[in-house]
Amino acid sequence: EGGGDMAFRALDKDGSGDLDEEELRQAMPVWVKDDDVLREFRRLDADGNGSINKSEMKRAWLKSPASAWLQTKGFGEYTALFEELELDMDSLVRLTLPDLEAMGIQSTVT
């Protein structure tokens, strides 16, 4: 089981296999407004059925900006480049070493 599955299970308080709006609300910081929770819920609920399943959550994560992830991993100097190229997490996981080199990113792995 991957970390994403474990995180989803932790959010799925009732164990239904889907997240409802209240479960998403509980996962958000207390200062997030209800309108913002509802907007995020609608964005994540790709099929519009009123719940978010693991596939929808994974798809949303893959479409999130790669620049935010790079920042958290200590590669902040590359965030502007990734934002300029509009690379999302789906794109990031598909990059090859030649792709990175073409973008001016040199590997320290030998």
N, C-alpha and C. Protein backbone atom coordinates (compact mmCIF):
# COMPACT_ATOMS: atom_id res chain seq x y z
N GLU A 1 0.86 -1.18 0.00
CA GLU A 1 0.00 0.00 0.00
C GLU A 1 0.89 1.23 0.00
N GLY A 2 0.66 2.16 -0.93
CA GLY A 2 1.45 3.36 -1.02
C GLY A 2 1.05 4.40 0.01
N GLY A 3 1.92 5.40 0.17
CA GLY A 3 1.65 6.47 1.12
C GLY A 3 0.38 7.22 0.80
N GLY A 4 0.06 7.36 -0.49
CA GLY A 4 -1.18 8.03 -0.87
C GLY A 4 -2.41 7.28 -0.39
N ASP A 5 -2.36 5.95 -0.45
CA ASP A 5 -3.47 5.13 0.04
C ASP A 5 -3.62 5.28 1.54
N MET A 6 -2.51 5.30 2.25
CA MET A 6 -2.57 5.46 3.70
C MET A 6 -3.12 6.83 4.07
N ALA A 7 -2.70 7.86 3.36
CA ALA A 7 -3.20 9.21 3.63
C ALA A 7 -4.69 9.29 3.34
N PHE A 8 -5.14 8.67 2.25
CA PHE A 8 -6.56 8.69 1.92
C PHE A 8 -7.35 7.98 3.02
N ARG A 9 -6.86 6.84 3.46
CA ARG A 9 -7.55 6.10 4.53
C ARG A 9 -7.66 6.94 5.81
N ALA A 10 -6.61 7.71 6.10
CA ALA A 10 -6.63 8.56 7.29
C ALA A 10 -7.70 9.65 7.17
N LEU A 11 -7.92 10.15 5.97
CA LEU A 11 -8.95 11.17 5.75
C LEU A 11 -10.35 10.57 5.75
N ASP A 12 -10.44 9.33 5.34
CA ASP A 12 -11.74 8.63 5.21
C ASP A 12 -12.19 8.14 6.59
N LYS A 13 -12.69 9.07 7.39
CA LYS A 13 -13.01 8.78 8.80
C LYS A 13 -14.05 7.69 8.97
N ASP A 14 -15.02 7.60 8.05
CA ASP A 14 -16.08 6.59 8.22
C ASP A 14 -15.76 5.27 7.52
N GLY A 15 -14.60 5.20 6.85
CA GLY A 15 -14.18 3.95 6.21
C GLY A 15 -14.99 3.55 5.00
N SER A 16 -15.70 4.51 4.40
CA SER A 16 -16.58 4.21 3.26
C SER A 16 -15.82 4.01 1.94
N GLY A 17 -14.57 4.45 1.89
CA GLY A 17 -13.83 4.38 0.63
C GLY A 17 -13.98 5.64 -0.20
N ASP A 18 -14.75 6.59 0.29
CA ASP A 18 -14.96 7.88 -0.36
C ASP A 18 -14.90 8.97 0.70
N LEU A 19 -14.52 10.16 0.28
CA LEU A 19 -14.53 11.31 1.18
C LEU A 19 -15.77 12.14 0.90
N ASP A 20 -16.45 12.53 1.96
CA ASP A 20 -17.55 13.48 1.79
C ASP A 20 -17.03 14.87 2.15
N GLU A 21 -17.88 15.86 2.01
CA GLU A 21 -17.45 17.24 2.23
C GLU A 21 -16.98 17.45 3.67
N GLU A 22 -17.63 16.84 4.63
CA GLU A 22 -17.25 16.99 6.04
C GLU A 22 -15.88 16.38 6.32
N GLU A 23 -15.57 15.25 5.71
CA GLU A 23 -14.24 14.65 5.89
C GLU A 23 -13.16 15.54 5.30
N LEU A 24 -13.44 16.17 4.17
CA LEU A 24 -12.48 17.10 3.59
C LEU A 24 -12.34 18.31 4.50
N ARG A 25 -13.44 18.81 5.02
CA ARG A 25 -13.43 19.96 5.93
C ARG A 25 -12.54 19.67 7.13
N GLN A 26 -12.65 18.47 7.70
CA GLN A 26 -11.86 18.10 8.87
C GLN A 26 -10.36 18.03 8.56
N ALA A 27 -10.03 17.78 7.30
CA ALA A 27 -8.63 17.68 6.89
C ALA A 27 -8.01 19.05 6.64
N MET A 28 -8.85 20.08 6.52
CA MET A 28 -8.37 21.43 6.22
C MET A 28 -8.03 22.17 7.51
N PRO A 29 -7.11 23.14 7.41
CA PRO A 29 -6.84 23.98 8.59
C PRO A 29 -8.12 24.72 9.02
N VAL A 30 -8.24 25.02 10.29
CA VAL A 30 -9.46 25.63 10.83
C VAL A 30 -9.76 27.00 10.22
N TRP A 31 -8.74 27.69 9.72
CA TRP A 31 -8.96 29.02 9.18
C TRP A 31 -9.50 29.01 7.75
N VAL A 32 -9.57 27.85 7.11
CA VAL A 32 -10.10 27.78 5.74
C VAL A 32 -11.61 28.00 5.78
N LYS A 33 -12.08 28.91 4.95
CA LYS A 33 -13.51 29.25 4.91
C LYS A 33 -14.32 28.13 4.28
N ASP A 34 -15.58 28.01 4.70
CA ASP A 34 -16.47 26.98 4.18
C ASP A 34 -16.61 27.05 2.66
N ASP A 35 -16.67 28.28 2.12
CA ASP A 35 -16.76 28.43 0.66
C ASP A 35 -15.55 27.83 -0.04
N ASP A 36 -14.37 28.00 0.58
CA ASP A 36 -13.15 27.46 -0.01
C ASP A 36 -13.12 25.93 0.06
N VAL A 37 -13.64 25.38 1.17
CA VAL A 37 -13.73 23.92 1.29
C VAL A 37 -14.66 23.38 0.21
N LEU A 38 -15.82 24.03 0.04
CA LEU A 38 -16.78 23.59 -0.97
C LEU A 38 -16.19 23.68 -2.37
N ARG A 39 -15.46 24.75 -2.65
CA ARG A 39 -14.82 24.91 -3.97
C ARG A 39 -13.80 23.81 -4.21
N GLU A 40 -12.99 23.50 -3.19
CA GLU A 40 -11.99 22.44 -3.32
C GLU A 40 -12.68 21.08 -3.48
N PHE A 41 -13.75 20.87 -2.72
CA PHE A 41 -14.48 19.61 -2.81
C PHE A 41 -15.01 19.41 -4.23
N ARG A 42 -15.59 20.45 -4.80
CA ARG A 42 -16.13 20.35 -6.16
C ARG A 42 -15.02 20.11 -7.18
N ARG A 43 -13.84 20.72 -6.95
CA ARG A 43 -12.71 20.52 -7.85
C ARG A 43 -12.24 19.06 -7.80
N LEU A 44 -12.19 18.51 -6.60
CA LEU A 44 -11.71 17.13 -6.43
C LEU A 44 -12.72 16.10 -6.89
N ASP A 45 -14.01 16.40 -6.75
CA ASP A 45 -15.09 15.47 -7.11
C ASP A 45 -15.30 15.52 -8.62
N ALA A 46 -14.39 14.89 -9.35
CA ALA A 46 -14.35 14.99 -10.81
C ALA A 46 -15.62 14.49 -11.48
N ASP A 47 -16.25 13.45 -10.94
CA ASP A 47 -17.45 12.92 -11.58
C ASP A 47 -18.74 13.55 -11.06
N GLY A 48 -18.62 14.45 -10.07
CA GLY A 48 -19.77 15.19 -9.57
C GLY A 48 -20.79 14.36 -8.81
N ASN A 49 -20.37 13.21 -8.26
CA ASN A 49 -21.32 12.34 -7.57
C ASN A 49 -21.48 12.66 -6.08
N GLY A 50 -20.80 13.71 -5.61
CA GLY A 50 -20.95 14.11 -4.21
C GLY A 50 -19.97 13.46 -3.26
N SER A 51 -18.99 12.74 -3.80
CA SER A 51 -17.94 12.15 -2.96
C SER A 51 -16.64 12.09 -3.76
N ILE A 52 -15.54 11.98 -3.03
CA ILE A 52 -14.21 11.93 -3.65
C ILE A 52 -13.64 10.54 -3.38
N ASN A 53 -13.32 9.81 -4.46
CA ASN A 53 -12.71 8.50 -4.28
C ASN A 53 -11.19 8.60 -4.42
N LYS A 54 -10.50 7.50 -4.18
CA LYS A 54 -9.03 7.50 -4.25
C LYS A 54 -8.52 7.92 -5.63
N SER A 55 -9.19 7.47 -6.68
CA SER A 55 -8.75 7.82 -8.04
C SER A 55 -8.84 9.32 -8.28
N GLU A 56 -9.93 9.92 -7.82
CA GLU A 56 -10.09 11.37 -8.00
C GLU A 56 -9.03 12.13 -7.21
N MET A 57 -8.74 11.67 -6.00
CA MET A 57 -7.72 12.32 -5.17
C MET A 57 -6.35 12.19 -5.83
N LYS A 58 -6.04 11.01 -6.33
CA LYS A 58 -4.75 10.79 -6.99
C LYS A 58 -4.62 11.67 -8.23
N ARG A 59 -5.67 11.72 -9.03
CA ARG A 59 -5.67 12.54 -10.24
C ARG A 59 -5.44 14.01 -9.90
N ALA A 60 -6.10 14.49 -8.84
CA ALA A 60 -5.93 15.88 -8.43
C ALA A 60 -4.50 16.14 -7.99
N TRP A 61 -3.92 15.18 -7.26
CA TRP A 61 -2.54 15.35 -6.82
C TRP A 61 -1.60 15.41 -8.03
N LEU A 62 -1.82 14.54 -8.98
CA LEU A 62 -0.96 14.51 -10.17
C LEU A 62 -1.07 15.79 -10.99
N LYS A 63 -2.21 16.47 -10.87
CA LYS A 63 -2.40 17.72 -11.62
C LYS A 63 -2.00 18.95 -10.81
N SER A 64 -1.54 18.74 -9.57
CA SER A 64 -1.10 19.87 -8.76
C SER A 64 0.26 20.35 -9.25
N PRO A 65 0.59 21.61 -9.00
CA PRO A 65 1.86 22.15 -9.50
C PRO A 65 3.06 21.42 -8.91
N ALA A 66 3.97 21.04 -9.77
CA ALA A 66 5.20 20.37 -9.32
C ALA A 66 6.06 21.33 -8.53
N SER A 67 5.92 22.62 -8.79
CA SER A 67 6.76 23.60 -8.10
C SER A 67 6.57 23.56 -6.59
N ALA A 68 5.36 23.33 -6.12
CA ALA A 68 5.11 23.27 -4.68
C ALA A 68 5.84 22.08 -4.06
N TRP A 69 5.80 20.95 -4.72
CA TRP A 69 6.49 19.75 -4.23
C TRP A 69 8.00 19.98 -4.21
N LEU A 70 8.53 20.59 -5.27
CA LEU A 70 9.97 20.85 -5.33
C LEU A 70 10.40 21.72 -4.16
N GLN A 71 9.59 22.71 -3.83
CA GLN A 71 9.90 23.62 -2.73
C GLN A 71 10.02 22.84 -1.42
N THR A 72 9.09 21.93 -1.18
CA THR A 72 9.10 21.18 0.08
C THR A 72 10.27 20.21 0.14
N LYS A 73 10.82 19.82 -0.99
CA LYS A 73 11.92 18.86 -1.03
C LYS A 73 13.29 19.52 -1.10
N GLY A 74 13.34 20.86 -1.00
CA GLY A 74 14.62 21.54 -0.99
C GLY A 74 15.15 21.91 -2.37
N PHE A 75 14.29 21.85 -3.39
CA PHE A 75 14.71 22.20 -4.75
C PHE A 75 14.03 23.50 -5.20
N GLY A 76 13.91 24.44 -4.26
CA GLY A 76 13.22 25.70 -4.52
C GLY A 76 13.78 26.50 -5.68
N GLU A 77 15.07 26.33 -5.95
CA GLU A 77 15.66 27.11 -7.06
C GLU A 77 15.07 26.74 -8.42
N TYR A 78 14.37 25.60 -8.49
CA TYR A 78 13.79 25.17 -9.77
C TYR A 78 12.29 25.47 -9.89
N THR A 79 11.70 26.03 -8.84
CA THR A 79 10.24 26.22 -8.87
C THR A 79 9.80 27.18 -9.97
N ALA A 80 10.55 28.27 -10.17
CA ALA A 80 10.16 29.24 -11.20
C ALA A 80 10.17 28.60 -12.59
N LEU A 81 11.17 27.78 -12.86
CA LEU A 81 11.26 27.09 -14.14
C LEU A 81 10.07 26.15 -14.34
N PHE A 82 9.73 25.38 -13.31
CA PHE A 82 8.61 24.45 -13.42
C PHE A 82 7.28 25.19 -13.56
N GLU A 83 7.14 26.33 -12.87
CA GLU A 83 5.93 27.13 -13.03
C GLU A 83 5.83 27.71 -14.44
N GLU A 84 6.95 28.21 -14.95
CA GLU A 84 6.98 28.77 -16.30
C GLU A 84 6.59 27.72 -17.34
N LEU A 85 7.05 26.50 -17.16
CA LEU A 85 6.74 25.42 -18.09
C LEU A 85 5.39 24.75 -17.79
N GLU A 86 4.74 25.21 -16.70
CA GLU A 86 3.44 24.68 -16.28
C GLU A 86 3.49 23.16 -16.09
N LEU A 87 4.54 22.69 -15.43
CA LEU A 87 4.70 21.27 -15.19
C LEU A 87 3.94 20.88 -13.91
N ASP A 88 3.10 19.88 -14.02
CA ASP A 88 2.39 19.37 -12.86
C ASP A 88 3.08 18.10 -12.37
N MET A 89 2.54 17.51 -11.31
CA MET A 89 3.18 16.32 -10.74
C MET A 89 3.18 15.16 -11.73
N ASP A 90 2.16 15.05 -12.56
CA ASP A 90 2.11 14.00 -13.56
C ASP A 90 3.28 14.14 -14.53
N SER A 91 3.57 15.37 -14.91
CA SER A 91 4.71 15.62 -15.80
C SER A 91 6.03 15.34 -15.09
N LEU A 92 6.11 15.75 -13.83
CA LEU A 92 7.34 15.58 -13.07
C LEU A 92 7.75 14.11 -12.98
N VAL A 93 6.81 13.24 -12.69
CA VAL A 93 7.17 11.84 -12.53
C VAL A 93 7.54 11.17 -13.85
N ARG A 94 7.27 11.82 -14.96
CA ARG A 94 7.59 11.25 -16.27
C ARG A 94 8.90 11.80 -16.86
N LEU A 95 9.50 12.79 -16.20
CA LEU A 95 10.73 13.38 -16.72
C LEU A 95 11.88 12.38 -16.65
N THR A 96 12.68 12.38 -17.69
CA THR A 96 13.87 11.54 -17.74
C THR A 96 15.10 12.41 -17.48
N LEU A 97 16.22 11.78 -17.22
CA LEU A 97 17.45 12.53 -17.01
C LEU A 97 17.77 13.44 -18.21
N PRO A 98 17.64 12.97 -19.47
CA PRO A 98 17.87 13.88 -20.61
C PRO A 98 16.89 15.06 -20.61
N ASP A 99 15.64 14.85 -20.18
CA ASP A 99 14.69 15.96 -20.10
C ASP A 99 15.19 17.01 -19.12
N LEU A 100 15.62 16.55 -17.95
CA LEU A 100 16.10 17.47 -16.92
C LEU A 100 17.35 18.22 -17.40
N GLU A 101 18.25 17.50 -18.06
CA GLU A 101 19.46 18.14 -18.57
C GLU A 101 19.12 19.19 -19.61
N ALA A 102 18.13 18.92 -20.44
CA ALA A 102 17.70 19.89 -21.47
C ALA A 102 17.12 21.16 -20.81
N MET A 103 16.60 21.02 -19.61
CA MET A 103 16.04 22.16 -18.87
C MET A 103 17.12 22.88 -18.08
N GLY A 104 18.38 22.39 -18.13
CA GLY A 104 19.48 23.01 -17.42
C GLY A 104 19.66 22.51 -16.01
N ILE A 105 19.04 21.38 -15.70
CA ILE A 105 19.16 20.79 -14.36
C ILE A 105 20.17 19.66 -14.45
N GLN A 106 21.25 19.80 -13.70
CA GLN A 106 22.31 18.80 -13.75
C GLN A 106 22.16 17.81 -12.61
N SER A 107 22.37 16.57 -12.89
CA SER A 107 22.27 15.50 -11.91
C SER A 107 23.54 15.44 -11.08
N THR A 108 23.37 15.16 -9.79
CA THR A 108 24.53 14.93 -8.93
C THR A 108 24.72 13.43 -8.70
N VAL A 109 23.84 12.63 -9.32
CA VAL A 109 23.92 11.18 -9.21
C VAL A 109 24.87 10.65 -10.27
N THR A 110 25.79 9.78 -9.86
CA THR A 110 26.72 9.22 -10.84
C THR A 110 26.50 7.75 -11.01
